[in-house]
């Protein structure tokens, strides 16, 4: 029963990796690429775990591969947050007439 569950988890991870790969192809955002690689690594790790005679997740190799997969997710999140622009765009629309500019300056005083 355990190999069947590991196979289902591996298949789900690989499908999630394909979804993130498609999102990366559409947006070219590295965040989705990192997630895709992470899910592919996790899916292959689960597949390899199902193929060994004694599937024990506490073995150092499988644990290290899973750690690297989660570390890649953390790197993706940190990279996404660090690459954001710190300058916020001006949320107020530009005045198209002198009357609107004067009204906008009156509002800014309050």
Protein backbone atom coordinates (compact mmCIF):
# COMPACT_ATOMS: atom_id res chain seq x y z
CA UNK A 1 0.00 0.00 0.00
CA UNK A 2 2.82 2.42 0.81
CA UNK A 3 4.38 2.28 -2.69
CA UNK A 4 0.99 3.13 -4.19
CA UNK A 5 0.65 6.18 -1.94
CA UNK A 6 4.21 7.25 -2.71
CA UNK A 7 3.43 6.89 -6.41
CA UNK A 8 0.31 9.04 -6.04
CA UNK A 9 2.27 11.71 -4.18
CA UNK A 10 5.01 11.57 -6.83
CA UNK A 11 2.43 11.96 -9.61
CA UNK A 12 0.75 14.88 -7.83
CA UNK A 13 4.12 16.60 -7.33
CA UNK A 14 5.06 16.15 -10.98
CA UNK A 15 1.67 17.51 -12.11
CA UNK A 16 2.11 20.53 -9.82
CA UNK A 17 5.57 21.00 -11.33
CA UNK A 18 4.02 21.00 -14.81
CA UNK A 19 1.49 23.64 -13.79
CA UNK A 20 4.21 25.89 -12.40
CA UNK A 21 6.28 25.31 -15.54
CA UNK A 22 3.34 26.46 -17.66
CA UNK A 23 2.91 29.55 -15.47
CA UNK A 24 6.64 30.28 -15.89
CA UNK A 25 6.35 29.98 -19.67
CA UNK A 26 3.44 32.44 -19.66
CA UNK A 27 4.97 35.02 -17.31
CA UNK A 28 8.75 34.36 -17.40
CA UNK A 29 8.75 34.96 -13.64
CA UNK A 30 11.57 33.09 -11.86
CA UNK A 31 9.26 32.46 -8.90
CA UNK A 32 7.28 29.91 -10.94
CA UNK A 33 10.46 28.35 -12.32
CA UNK A 34 11.83 27.78 -8.81
CA UNK A 35 8.54 26.25 -7.70
CA UNK A 36 8.43 24.03 -10.78
CA UNK A 37 11.94 22.73 -10.17
CA UNK A 38 11.13 22.17 -6.50
CA UNK A 39 8.05 20.10 -7.28
CA UNK A 40 9.89 18.10 -9.95
CA UNK A 41 12.68 17.31 -7.47
CA UNK A 42 10.12 16.31 -4.83
CA UNK A 43 8.24 14.12 -7.32
CA UNK A 44 11.42 12.35 -8.40
CA UNK A 45 12.41 11.94 -4.75
CA UNK A 46 9.08 10.27 -3.97
CA UNK A 47 9.40 8.04 -7.04
CA UNK A 48 12.90 6.98 -5.97
CA UNK A 49 11.63 6.36 -2.44
CA UNK A 50 8.91 4.08 -3.81
CA UNK A 51 11.47 2.10 -5.85
CA UNK A 52 13.74 1.12 -2.95
CA UNK A 53 13.11 -2.12 -1.10
CA UNK A 54 12.66 -0.44 2.30
CA UNK A 55 10.96 2.96 1.79
CA UNK A 56 12.13 4.89 4.82
CA UNK A 57 11.87 8.67 4.60
CA UNK A 58 14.35 9.12 7.45
CA UNK A 59 17.31 8.02 5.34
CA UNK A 60 19.76 10.89 4.97
CA UNK A 61 19.68 10.94 1.18
CA UNK A 62 15.89 11.27 0.88
CA UNK A 63 15.73 13.70 3.76
CA UNK A 64 18.46 15.89 2.21
CA UNK A 65 16.74 15.94 -1.19
CA UNK A 66 13.48 16.98 0.46
CA UNK A 67 15.34 19.65 2.42
CA UNK A 68 16.81 21.02 -0.82
CA UNK A 69 13.37 21.06 -2.38
CA UNK A 70 11.92 23.10 0.48
CA UNK A 71 14.99 25.32 0.52
CA UNK A 72 14.38 26.08 -3.15
CA UNK A 73 10.84 27.22 -2.27
CA UNK A 74 12.25 29.53 0.41
CA UNK A 75 14.77 30.91 -2.09
CA UNK A 76 11.94 31.56 -4.55
CA UNK A 77 9.94 33.49 -1.95
CA UNK A 78 12.94 35.53 -0.81
CA UNK A 79 13.94 36.23 -4.42
CA UNK A 80 10.42 37.38 -5.24
CA UNK A 81 10.30 39.71 -2.24
CA UNK A 82 13.79 41.12 -2.83
CA UNK A 83 13.18 41.80 -6.52
CA UNK A 84 10.14 43.98 -5.88
CA UNK A 85 10.59 47.62 -6.61
CA UNK A 86 10.63 49.69 -3.45
CA UNK A 87 9.39 52.78 -5.26
CA UNK A 88 5.62 52.87 -5.26
CA UNK A 89 3.91 54.41 -8.25
CA UNK A 90 1.98 57.63 -7.80
CA UNK A 91 -1.58 56.53 -7.15
CA UNK A 92 -3.08 59.91 -7.89
CA UNK A 93 -3.90 60.65 -11.53
CA UNK A 94 -2.22 63.63 -13.10
CA UNK A 95 -4.35 66.76 -13.39
CA UNK A 96 -5.35 67.54 -16.94
CA UNK A 97 -6.32 71.16 -16.37
CA UNK A 98 -5.15 74.01 -14.10
CA UNK A 99 -8.45 73.87 -12.19
CA UNK A 100 -7.97 70.21 -11.41
CA UNK A 101 -4.38 70.84 -10.32
CA UNK A 102 -5.56 73.57 -7.95
CA UNK A 103 -8.30 71.34 -6.54
CA UNK A 104 -5.79 68.53 -6.03
CA UNK A 105 -3.39 70.84 -4.19
CA UNK A 106 -6.29 71.99 -1.97
CA UNK A 107 -7.06 68.37 -1.10
CA UNK A 108 -3.43 67.60 -0.25
CA UNK A 109 -3.42 70.25 2.46
CA UNK A 110 -6.04 68.34 4.47
